[in-house]
Every structure is written in structure tokens, then in C-alpha cells.
Amino acid sequence: MGAQDTEIELLDHTSSVMSRRQIMTMAALLGGISIASPVQAQFKVGKILKSAKKVAEAVSYSDEDMATYFNQMSEEMDQTNPVAGPDNPYGKRIAKLSEGLQSHDGLDLDIKAYLVRDVNAFAMANGTIRVFAGLMDEFNDDEIRYVIGHEIGHVKREHTKKRMQGALQRDAALSVATTASGDASRLARSEIGKLFGNVITAQHSQKHEREADDYALQFMQQKNYDPQACVTALDKLAAMGGGSGGLPWLQTHPSPKNRAKRLRKQLG
């Protein structure tokens, strides 16, 4: 299904276009697949990147705190970016492709599509997975299933959780707000932007990408999906990336071309 097949107008604006720094940071934190050019990126981070007053100093981060942080971020992103509803063509397609995946491998999942032109997807440690319409236009059904499996792999191997924990621990001055009940801590909206800034310089681990790819391959085989889609999806990402590292985000991530070669070898 291509964009020309629907009357849906995907998000396309100039005033809220993410900067090069912001999109690199988003990719670093969320560990998703992205080949969107920072100049053209349309995904909106919105209010979570705005500066505001510090509320309190964070001193510890329990599992409950971590869950609260990821839930807050997923809520904020869903409010800021257009989610494809059940009657939307993209919403119907992602619902079909994720059928039976409300939970998988002991993880509760929330898989939805964003009506955003970027070729992108991301996952959070709370089971949130978002696939962008731009990626859905470029990939066939099994290639999208590979993306879903890859993102589940990032969550199951706790890559996003470890990134968040590391960033929080490195910034002792990071502020949090406390809920009225005092039961849990919440990041102030402004501080989420600061958190993103702290993780931007971390190079995306080749080990993590290999682990997510291996998980995705097993996922495809277990679900009787075409495992060759893992290779063709990465081939497409490599082709869209120009094959020369021209996209800044790709410079901090393992080459899709090399990852495709590796999976192709595993499939024989």
C-alpha cells in the first residue's frame, strides 16, 4: 500500500521539523530503525523538547520509576504525533500485521502506526512500538513484520531500558516531578529533552543491533513469516541510505548492508 492509494494526508510541516541533533538523539534513545534525513524528518517531539523550570533532583531510579518515565514518553509522543486509528488504512494494516501480538515472549505490546512520512520505527521498554507510515509505504508486509520483530528484540534484550538507565545515572542533576500522591516520580517535560541530549553522543551498539536482528530472524521463523524479508528490508534501508554513509544517523549505526550480508549468510 502506497500513499497514493489513500486519501490520508501524512504529517508534512516545516515549523516543527526536527533538527539534526534531535532526530539523532531520538534514534539513539529509542533504538529504532531510521533512515530519514534530518533535513526532511517530520516526526514531532513537541513539548518534550522545550525548556522549563527544574522541579526536583533525581537521586534514584526504581523499576517503577522507569516504567513511569517510558509511559510518560509514549503518552506524550502519541499526543504530539498522529496515531492511525482503526478505520485508517495504515491503522488497519498495522492491526492486521500485529494480529496475535498483544503479548509476545512474556512482553505486553502496544503496536500502532504514526501518520508520519519518515521511514522509521521505534520501541520503548514498556512495550510501545510505533511504525511510521513512510516505512509502511516502502516495505511489504513481511518486511514490516521484520521491523516489528527487530523492535521487540530491542525491548526483550533491554536495550532501551539500559540506555535510559545509563543516561539518568550519568546526569545527577536531571530533574523529576513527583506525582501528587507521591507514589511515583515523573520526568518534567523539559527534562525529557535534556535526557535526549545526554544520550545523543552514545554510538549505537553493533552488539545491540546484532542481537535485535537475530531476535527478529527467530521471530520470523517462529511465526512462519518469510525470513528472507529480514534481508530485503535491510537491503532497502541500505539503498535509501545511499550506500555511502551520507545520512548522519547511519554514521552512528551498523551498516544495513553489512547486517543484510550477515543475515543472508545465516539463512544460507
C-alpha atoms as a PDB file:
ATOM      1  CA  MET A   1       0.000   0.000   0.000  1.00  0.00           C
ATOM      2  CA  GLY A   2       1.445   3.340  -1.024  1.00  0.00           C
ATOM      3  CA  ALA A   3       0.496   6.819  -0.001  1.00  0.00           C
ATOM      4  CA  GLN A   4      -1.114   7.289  -3.406  1.00  0.00           C
ATOM      5  CA  ASP A   5      -3.599   4.549  -2.557  1.00  0.00           C
ATOM      6  CA  THR A   6      -5.292   6.509   0.205  1.00  0.00           C
ATOM      7  CA  GLU A   7      -6.730   9.914   0.827  1.00  0.00           C
ATOM      8  CA  ILE A   8      -4.833  10.184   4.093  1.00  0.00           C
ATOM      9  CA  GLU A   9      -2.660  13.270   4.370  1.00  0.00           C
ATOM     10  CA  LEU A  10       0.500  12.336   6.204  1.00  0.00           C
ATOM     11  CA  LEU A  11       2.111  14.809   8.546  1.00  0.00           C
ATOM     12  CA  ASP A  12       4.132  17.282   6.491  1.00  0.00           C
ATOM     13  CA  HIS A  13       5.122  20.583   8.022  1.00  0.00           C
ATOM     14  CA  THR A  14       8.043  22.959   8.383  1.00  0.00           C
ATOM     15  CA  SER A  15       7.606  24.722  11.703  1.00  0.00           C
ATOM     16  CA  SER A  16       8.080  21.568  13.800  1.00  0.00           C
ATOM     17  CA  VAL A  17      10.681  19.753  11.715  1.00  0.00           C
ATOM     18  CA  MET A  18      13.179  18.021  13.979  1.00  0.00           C
ATOM     19  CA  SER A  19      16.726  19.296  13.900  1.00  0.00           C
ATOM     20  CA  ARG A  20      19.675  17.065  13.016  1.00  0.00           C
ATOM     21  CA  ARG A  21      20.542  16.877  16.731  1.00  0.00           C
ATOM     22  CA  GLN A  22      17.022  15.942  17.778  1.00  0.00           C
ATOM     23  CA  ILE A  23      16.497  13.108  15.312  1.00  0.00           C
ATOM     24  CA  MET A  24      19.916  11.618  16.056  1.00  0.00           C
ATOM     25  CA  THR A  25      19.105  11.785  19.748  1.00  0.00           C
ATOM     26  CA  MET A  26      15.699  10.171  19.272  1.00  0.00           C
ATOM     27  CA  ALA A  27      17.219   7.304  17.355  1.00  0.00           C
ATOM     28  CA  ALA A  28      19.942   6.851  19.959  1.00  0.00           C
ATOM     29  CA  LEU A  29      17.480   6.685  22.849  1.00  0.00           C
ATOM     30  CA  LEU A  30      14.770   4.585  21.301  1.00  0.00           C
ATOM     31  CA  GLY A  31      16.973   2.225  19.376  1.00  0.00           C
ATOM     32  CA  GLY A  32      14.650   2.174  16.364  1.00  0.00           C
ATOM     33  CA  ILE A  33      15.243   1.801  12.655  1.00  0.00           C
ATOM     34  CA  SER A  34      15.541   5.082  10.830  1.00  0.00           C
ATOM     35  CA  ILE A  35      16.998   6.300   7.567  1.00  0.00           C
ATOM     36  CA  ALA A  36      15.093   9.562   7.471  1.00  0.00           C
ATOM     37  CA  SER A  37      17.212  12.551   6.518  1.00  0.00           C
ATOM     38  CA  PRO A  38      17.328  15.027   9.435  1.00  0.00           C
ATOM     39  CA  VAL A  39      16.567  17.816   6.982  1.00  0.00           C
ATOM     40  CA  GLN A  40      13.360  16.138   5.863  1.00  0.00           C
ATOM     41  CA  ALA A  41      12.274  14.467   9.096  1.00  0.00           C
ATOM     42  CA  GLN A  42       8.703  15.187  10.099  1.00  0.00           C
ATOM     43  CA  PHE A  43       8.376  13.319  13.408  1.00  0.00           C
ATOM     44  CA  LYS A  44       7.420  15.828  16.101  1.00  0.00           C
ATOM     45  CA  VAL A  45       8.835  15.625  19.596  1.00  0.00           C
ATOM     46  CA  GLY A  46       6.914  18.765  20.505  1.00  0.00           C
ATOM     47  CA  LYS A  47       6.653  19.992  24.066  1.00  0.00           C
ATOM     48  CA  ILE A  48       9.012  17.393  25.489  1.00  0.00           C
ATOM     49  CA  LEU A  49      11.925  19.242  23.876  1.00  0.00           C
ATOM     50  CA  LYS A  50      11.042  22.668  25.305  1.00  0.00           C
ATOM     51  CA  SER A  51      12.956  24.222  28.154  1.00  0.00           C
ATOM     52  CA  ALA A  52      11.271  24.770  31.520  1.00  0.00           C
ATOM     53  CA  LYS A  53      11.971  25.108  35.240  1.00  0.00           C
ATOM     54  CA  LYS A  54      13.636  22.318  37.208  1.00  0.00           C
ATOM     55  CA  VAL A  55      11.396  20.710  39.790  1.00  0.00           C
ATOM     56  CA  ALA A  56      13.489  18.330  41.924  1.00  0.00           C
ATOM     57  CA  GLU A  57      16.725  16.424  41.761  1.00  0.00           C
ATOM     58  CA  ALA A  58      16.598  12.732  40.919  1.00  0.00           C
ATOM     59  CA  VAL A  59      18.576  10.523  43.280  1.00  0.00           C
ATOM     60  CA  SER A  60      17.428   7.001  42.391  1.00  0.00           C
ATOM     61  CA  TYR A  61      15.554   5.222  39.630  1.00  0.00           C
ATOM     62  CA  SER A  62      13.494   2.189  40.577  1.00  0.00           C
ATOM     63  CA  ASP A  63      11.788  -0.153  38.113  1.00  0.00           C
ATOM     64  CA  GLU A  64       8.556   1.676  38.920  1.00  0.00           C
ATOM     65  CA  ASP A  65      10.179   4.996  38.061  1.00  0.00           C
ATOM     66  CA  MET A  66      11.488   3.573  34.789  1.00  0.00           C
ATOM     67  CA  ALA A  67       8.011   2.334  33.873  1.00  0.00           C
ATOM     68  CA  THR A  68       6.556   5.754  34.682  1.00  0.00           C
ATOM     69  CA  TYR A  69       9.155   7.516  32.519  1.00  0.00           C
ATOM     70  CA  PHE A  70       8.521   5.333  29.479  1.00  0.00           C
ATOM     71  CA  ASN A  71       4.760   5.520  29.924  1.00  0.00           C
ATOM     72  CA  GLN A  72       5.001   9.305  30.097  1.00  0.00           C
ATOM     73  CA  MET A  73       7.111   9.478  26.940  1.00  0.00           C
ATOM     74  CA  SER A  74       4.800   7.193  24.978  1.00  0.00           C
ATOM     75  CA  GLU A  75       1.758   9.193  26.077  1.00  0.00           C
ATOM     76  CA  GLU A  76       3.431  12.460  25.120  1.00  0.00           C
ATOM     77  CA  MET A  77       4.506  11.182  21.705  1.00  0.00           C
ATOM     78  CA  ASP A  78       1.051   9.832  20.942  1.00  0.00           C
ATOM     79  CA  GLN A  79      -0.406  13.224  21.817  1.00  0.00           C
ATOM     80  CA  THR A  80       2.121  15.023  19.638  1.00  0.00           C
ATOM     81  CA  ASN A  81       2.093  12.730  16.598  1.00  0.00           C
ATOM     82  CA  PRO A  82      -0.947  11.493  14.636  1.00  0.00           C
ATOM     83  CA  VAL A  83      -1.790   7.895  15.505  1.00  0.00           C
ATOM     84  CA  ALA A  84      -3.520   5.897  12.763  1.00  0.00           C
ATOM     85  CA  GLY A  85      -6.963   4.909  14.054  1.00  0.00           C
ATOM     86  CA  PRO A  86      -8.795   1.617  13.480  1.00  0.00           C
ATOM     87  CA  ASP A  87     -10.632   2.985  10.418  1.00  0.00           C
ATOM     88  CA  ASN A  88      -7.496   4.428   8.845  1.00  0.00           C
ATOM     89  CA  PRO A  89      -5.821   2.327   6.086  1.00  0.00           C
ATOM     90  CA  TYR A  90      -2.492   2.423   7.902  1.00  0.00           C
ATOM     91  CA  GLY A  91      -4.232   1.580  11.164  1.00  0.00           C
ATOM     92  CA  LYS A  92      -5.994  -1.381   9.571  1.00  0.00           C
ATOM     93  CA  ARG A  93      -2.775  -2.647   8.036  1.00  0.00           C
ATOM     94  CA  ILE A  94      -0.695  -2.437  11.221  1.00  0.00           C
ATOM     95  CA  ALA A  95      -3.521  -4.109  13.169  1.00  0.00           C
ATOM     96  CA  LYS A  96      -3.542  -6.988  10.681  1.00  0.00           C
ATOM     97  CA  LEU A  97       0.239  -7.347  10.721  1.00  0.00           C
ATOM     98  CA  SER A  98       0.373  -7.303  14.522  1.00  0.00           C
ATOM     99  CA  GLU A  99      -2.590  -9.646  15.000  1.00  0.00           C
ATOM    100  CA  GLY A 100      -1.895 -12.000  17.886  1.00  0.00           C
ATOM    101  CA  LEU A 101       0.937  -9.812  19.170  1.00  0.00           C
ATOM    102  CA  GLN A 102      -0.837  -8.125  22.052  1.00  0.00           C
ATOM    103  CA  SER A 103       1.753 -10.067  24.000  1.00  0.00           C
ATOM    104  CA  HIS A 104       4.813 -11.970  22.839  1.00  0.00           C
ATOM    105  CA  ASP A 105       7.602 -13.740  24.655  1.00  0.00           C
ATOM    106  CA  GLY A 106       6.277 -12.564  28.010  1.00  0.00           C
ATOM    107  CA  LEU A 107       6.039  -8.933  26.928  1.00  0.00           C
ATOM    108  CA  ASP A 108       2.852  -6.875  26.653  1.00  0.00           C
ATOM    109  CA  LEU A 109       2.963  -4.946  23.385  1.00  0.00           C
ATOM    110  CA  ASP A 110       1.256  -1.811  22.103  1.00  0.00           C
ATOM    111  CA  ILE A 111       1.883  -1.663  18.340  1.00  0.00           C
ATOM    112  CA  LYS A 112       0.495   1.264  16.356  1.00  0.00           C
ATOM    113  CA  ALA A 113       1.270   3.343  13.276  1.00  0.00           C
ATOM    114  CA  TYR A 114       2.071   7.044  13.061  1.00  0.00           C
ATOM    115  CA  LEU A 115       0.819   9.036  10.073  1.00  0.00           C
ATOM    116  CA  VAL A 116       4.275  10.474   9.536  1.00  0.00           C
ATOM    117  CA  ARG A 117       6.293  10.414   6.316  1.00  0.00           C
ATOM    118  CA  ASP A 118       9.591   9.326   7.879  1.00  0.00           C
ATOM    119  CA  VAL A 119      10.931   5.840   7.166  1.00  0.00           C
ATOM    120  CA  ASN A 120      11.251   4.968  10.824  1.00  0.00           C
ATOM    121  CA  ALA A 121      10.129   2.850  13.745  1.00  0.00           C
ATOM    122  CA  PHE A 122      10.945   2.766  17.444  1.00  0.00           C
ATOM    123  CA  ALA A 123      10.383   0.771  20.594  1.00  0.00           C
ATOM    124  CA  MET A 124      10.335   1.567  24.303  1.00  0.00           C
ATOM    125  CA  ALA A 125      10.980  -0.669  27.290  1.00  0.00           C
ATOM    126  CA  ASN A 126       7.281  -0.579  28.245  1.00  0.00           C
ATOM    127  CA  GLY A 127       6.342  -2.478  25.050  1.00  0.00           C
ATOM    128  CA  THR A 128       5.402   0.577  22.990  1.00  0.00           C
ATOM    129  CA  ILE A 129       6.219   0.035  19.309  1.00  0.00           C
ATOM    130  CA  ARG A 130       5.442   2.661  16.687  1.00  0.00           C
ATOM    131  CA  VAL A 131       5.876   2.118  12.952  1.00  0.00           C
ATOM    132  CA  PHE A 132       5.772   5.168  10.707  1.00  0.00           C
ATOM    133  CA  ALA A 133       3.618   5.403   7.575  1.00  0.00           C
ATOM    134  CA  GLY A 134       6.664   6.295   5.486  1.00  0.00           C
ATOM    135  CA  LEU A 135       8.224   2.949   6.330  1.00  0.00           C
ATOM    136  CA  MET A 136       4.960   1.116   5.667  1.00  0.00           C
ATOM    137  CA  ASP A 137       4.831   2.654   2.185  1.00  0.00           C
ATOM    138  CA  GLU A 138       8.297   1.319   1.365  1.00  0.00           C
ATOM    139  CA  PHE A 139       8.098  -2.158   2.938  1.00  0.00           C
ATOM    140  CA  ASN A 140       5.960  -5.187   2.130  1.00  0.00           C
ATOM    141  CA  ASP A 141       4.054  -6.988   4.879  1.00  0.00           C
ATOM    142  CA  ASP A 142       6.800  -9.407   5.916  1.00  0.00           C
ATOM    143  CA  GLU A 143       9.406  -6.650   5.873  1.00  0.00           C
ATOM    144  CA  ILE A 144       7.239  -4.702   8.314  1.00  0.00           C
ATOM    145  CA  ARG A 145       6.959  -7.855  10.419  1.00  0.00           C
ATOM    146  CA  TYR A 146      10.760  -7.986  10.475  1.00  0.00           C
ATOM    147  CA  VAL A 147      10.785  -4.393  11.775  1.00  0.00           C
ATOM    148  CA  ILE A 148       8.309  -5.347  14.497  1.00  0.00           C
ATOM    149  CA  GLY A 149      10.411  -8.363  15.436  1.00  0.00           C
ATOM    150  CA  HIS A 150      13.558  -6.238  15.473  1.00  0.00           C
ATOM    151  CA  GLU A 151      11.932  -3.704  17.787  1.00  0.00           C
ATOM    152  CA  ILE A 152      10.638  -6.461  20.098  1.00  0.00           C
ATOM    153  CA  GLY A 153      14.216  -7.726  20.178  1.00  0.00           C
ATOM    154  CA  HIS A 154      15.476  -4.342  21.391  1.00  0.00           C
ATOM    155  CA  VAL A 155      12.914  -4.436  24.202  1.00  0.00           C
ATOM    156  CA  LYS A 156      13.470  -8.070  25.195  1.00  0.00           C
ATOM    157  CA  ARG A 157      17.223  -7.576  25.339  1.00  0.00           C
ATOM    158  CA  GLU A 158      16.548  -4.461  27.473  1.00  0.00           C
ATOM    159  CA  HIS A 159      18.481  -2.170  25.142  1.00  0.00           C
ATOM    160  CA  THR A 160      16.142   0.803  25.568  1.00  0.00           C
ATOM    161  CA  LYS A 161      15.925   0.304  29.328  1.00  0.00           C
ATOM    162  CA  LYS A 162      19.725   0.186  29.652  1.00  0.00           C
ATOM    163  CA  ARG A 163      20.098   3.333  27.554  1.00  0.00           C
ATOM    164  CA  MET A 164      17.619   5.170  29.743  1.00  0.00           C
ATOM    165  CA  GLN A 165      19.192   3.954  32.975  1.00  0.00           C
ATOM    166  CA  GLY A 166      22.660   4.924  31.809  1.00  0.00           C
ATOM    167  CA  ALA A 167      21.563   8.386  30.749  1.00  0.00           C
ATOM    168  CA  LEU A 168      19.736   9.003  34.025  1.00  0.00           C
ATOM    169  CA  GLN A 169      22.671   7.818  36.105  1.00  0.00           C
ATOM    170  CA  ARG A 170      25.147   9.949  34.156  1.00  0.00           C
ATOM    171  CA  ASP A 171      23.205  13.135  34.844  1.00  0.00           C
ATOM    172  CA  ALA A 172      22.850  13.552  38.589  1.00  0.00           C
ATOM    173  CA  ALA A 173      21.325  16.997  38.070  1.00  0.00           C
ATOM    174  CA  LEU A 174      18.430  15.679  35.995  1.00  0.00           C
ATOM    175  CA  SER A 175      15.156  16.925  37.487  1.00  0.00           C
ATOM    176  CA  VAL A 176      11.964  15.000  38.015  1.00  0.00           C
ATOM    177  CA  ALA A 177       8.498  15.958  39.125  1.00  0.00           C
ATOM    178  CA  THR A 178       6.698  13.956  41.775  1.00  0.00           C
ATOM    179  CA  THR A 179       3.080  12.946  41.400  1.00  0.00           C
ATOM    180  CA  ALA A 180       0.559  14.408  43.803  1.00  0.00           C
ATOM    181  CA  SER A 181       0.189  11.070  45.550  1.00  0.00           C
ATOM    182  CA  GLY A 182       3.930  10.743  45.971  1.00  0.00           C
ATOM    183  CA  ASP A 183       3.779   7.167  44.714  1.00  0.00           C
ATOM    184  CA  ALA A 184       5.995   7.655  41.683  1.00  0.00           C
ATOM    185  CA  SER A 185       8.349  10.109  40.078  1.00  0.00           C
ATOM    186  CA  ARG A 186       7.718  11.671  36.696  1.00  0.00           C
ATOM    187  CA  LEU A 187      10.191  13.393  34.470  1.00  0.00           C
ATOM    188  CA  ALA A 188       9.376  17.023  33.885  1.00  0.00           C
ATOM    189  CA  ARG A 189       8.566  17.556  30.206  1.00  0.00           C
ATOM    190  CA  SER A 190      11.503  19.880  29.794  1.00  0.00           C
ATOM    191  CA  GLU A 191      13.872  17.338  31.320  1.00  0.00           C
ATOM    192  CA  ILE A 192      12.977  14.662  28.765  1.00  0.00           C
ATOM    193  CA  GLY A 193      14.576  16.922  26.191  1.00  0.00           C
ATOM    194  CA  LYS A 194      17.662  17.201  28.363  1.00  0.00           C
ATOM    195  CA  LEU A 195      17.722  13.429  28.707  1.00  0.00           C
ATOM    196  CA  PHE A 196      17.668  13.070  24.933  1.00  0.00           C
ATOM    197  CA  GLY A 197      20.596  15.460  24.731  1.00  0.00           C
ATOM    198  CA  ASN A 198      22.615  13.332  27.130  1.00  0.00           C
ATOM    199  CA  VAL A 199      22.303  10.145  25.076  1.00  0.00           C
ATOM    200  CA  ILE A 200      22.973  11.611  21.636  1.00  0.00           C
ATOM    201  CA  THR A 201      26.710  11.085  21.798  1.00  0.00           C
ATOM    202  CA  ALA A 202      26.432   7.368  22.561  1.00  0.00           C
ATOM    203  CA  GLN A 203      27.202   5.354  19.471  1.00  0.00           C
ATOM    204  CA  HIS A 204      24.576   2.774  18.712  1.00  0.00           C
ATOM    205  CA  SER A 205      25.985  -0.582  19.749  1.00  0.00           C
ATOM    206  CA  GLN A 206      26.741  -3.043  16.980  1.00  0.00           C
ATOM    207  CA  LYS A 207      26.182  -5.780  19.534  1.00  0.00           C
ATOM    208  CA  HIS A 208      22.671  -4.496  20.234  1.00  0.00           C
ATOM    209  CA  GLU A 209      21.804  -4.344  16.541  1.00  0.00           C
ATOM    210  CA  ARG A 210      23.077  -7.883  16.008  1.00  0.00           C
ATOM    211  CA  GLU A 211      21.033  -9.094  18.965  1.00  0.00           C
ATOM    212  CA  ALA A 212      17.890  -7.366  17.674  1.00  0.00           C
ATOM    213  CA  ASP A 213      18.446  -8.738  14.164  1.00  0.00           C
ATOM    214  CA  ASP A 214      18.992 -12.263  15.475  1.00  0.00           C
ATOM    215  CA  TYR A 215      15.846 -11.975  17.576  1.00  0.00           C
ATOM    216  CA  ALA A 216      13.899 -10.740  14.548  1.00  0.00           C
ATOM    217  CA  LEU A 217      15.105 -13.671  12.438  1.00  0.00           C
ATOM    218  CA  GLN A 218      13.967 -16.156  15.094  1.00  0.00           C
ATOM    219  CA  PHE A 219      10.693 -14.256  15.420  1.00  0.00           C
ATOM    220  CA  MET A 220      10.060 -14.557  11.678  1.00  0.00           C
ATOM    221  CA  GLN A 221      10.843 -18.263  11.667  1.00  0.00           C
ATOM    222  CA  GLN A 222       8.721 -18.982  14.739  1.00  0.00           C
ATOM    223  CA  LYS A 223       5.740 -17.144  13.250  1.00  0.00           C
ATOM    224  CA  ASN A 224       6.167 -18.804   9.829  1.00  0.00           C
ATOM    225  CA  TYR A 225       6.773 -15.455   8.150  1.00  0.00           C
ATOM    226  CA  ASP A 226       9.240 -15.215   5.278  1.00  0.00           C
ATOM    227  CA  PRO A 227      12.675 -14.875   6.962  1.00  0.00           C
ATOM    228  CA  GLN A 228      14.165 -13.537   3.730  1.00  0.00           C
ATOM    229  CA  ALA A 229      12.229 -10.347   4.483  1.00  0.00           C
ATOM    230  CA  CYS A 230      14.872  -9.553   7.116  1.00  0.00           C
ATOM    231  CA  VAL A 231      17.440  -9.328   4.346  1.00  0.00           C
ATOM    232  CA  THR A 232      15.302  -7.479   1.812  1.00  0.00           C
ATOM    233  CA  ALA A 233      14.241  -4.892   4.418  1.00  0.00           C
ATOM    234  CA  LEU A 234      17.870  -4.144   5.272  1.00  0.00           C
ATOM    235  CA  ASP A 235      18.763  -4.037   1.577  1.00  0.00           C
ATOM    236  CA  LYS A 236      16.090  -1.381   1.109  1.00  0.00           C
ATOM    237  CA  LEU A 237      17.394   0.625   4.064  1.00  0.00           C
ATOM    238  CA  ALA A 238      20.905   0.454   2.626  1.00  0.00           C
ATOM    239  CA  ALA A 239      19.690   1.604  -0.796  1.00  0.00           C
ATOM    240  CA  MET A 240      17.737   4.513   0.686  1.00  0.00           C
ATOM    241  CA  GLY A 241      20.791   5.477   2.728  1.00  0.00           C
ATOM    242  CA  GLY A 242      22.813   5.990  -0.418  1.00  0.00           C
ATOM    243  CA  GLY A 243      25.340   3.321   0.446  1.00  0.00           C
ATOM    244  CA  SER A 244      27.977   5.888   1.413  1.00  0.00           C
ATOM    245  CA  GLY A 245      27.120   6.814   4.981  1.00  0.00           C
ATOM    246  CA  GLY A 246      25.683  10.090   3.728  1.00  0.00           C
ATOM    247  CA  LEU A 247      22.923  10.149   6.322  1.00  0.00           C
ATOM    248  CA  PRO A 248      24.383  11.371   9.630  1.00  0.00           C
ATOM    249  CA  TRP A 249      22.274   8.970  11.698  1.00  0.00           C
ATOM    250  CA  LEU A 250      23.690   5.997   9.788  1.00  0.00           C
ATOM    251  CA  GLN A 251      27.194   7.031  10.786  1.00  0.00           C
ATOM    252  CA  THR A 252      26.415   6.045  14.383  1.00  0.00           C
ATOM    253  CA  HIS A 253      24.789   2.734  13.475  1.00  0.00           C
ATOM    254  CA  PRO A 254      25.973  -0.533  11.954  1.00  0.00           C
ATOM    255  CA  SER A 255      25.648  -0.591   8.177  1.00  0.00           C
ATOM    256  CA  PRO A 256      22.335  -2.056   6.950  1.00  0.00           C
ATOM    257  CA  LYS A 257      24.308  -3.513   4.047  1.00  0.00           C
ATOM    258  CA  ASN A 258      26.619  -5.416   6.404  1.00  0.00           C
ATOM    259  CA  ARG A 259      23.708  -6.511   8.566  1.00  0.00           C
ATOM    260  CA  ALA A 260      21.888  -7.838   5.489  1.00  0.00           C
ATOM    261  CA  LYS A 261      25.026  -9.726   4.453  1.00  0.00           C
ATOM    262  CA  ARG A 262      25.267 -11.272   7.911  1.00  0.00           C
ATOM    263  CA  LEU A 263      21.635 -12.433   7.949  1.00  0.00           C
ATOM    264  CA  ARG A 264      21.875 -13.667   4.369  1.00  0.00           C
ATOM    265  CA  LYS A 265      24.778 -15.869   5.445  1.00  0.00           C
ATOM    266  CA  GLN A 266      22.739 -17.267   8.363  1.00  0.00           C
ATOM    267  CA  LEU A 267      19.896 -18.126   6.005  1.00  0.00           C
ATOM    268  CA  GLY A 268      22.297 -19.880   3.654  1.00  0.00           C
END
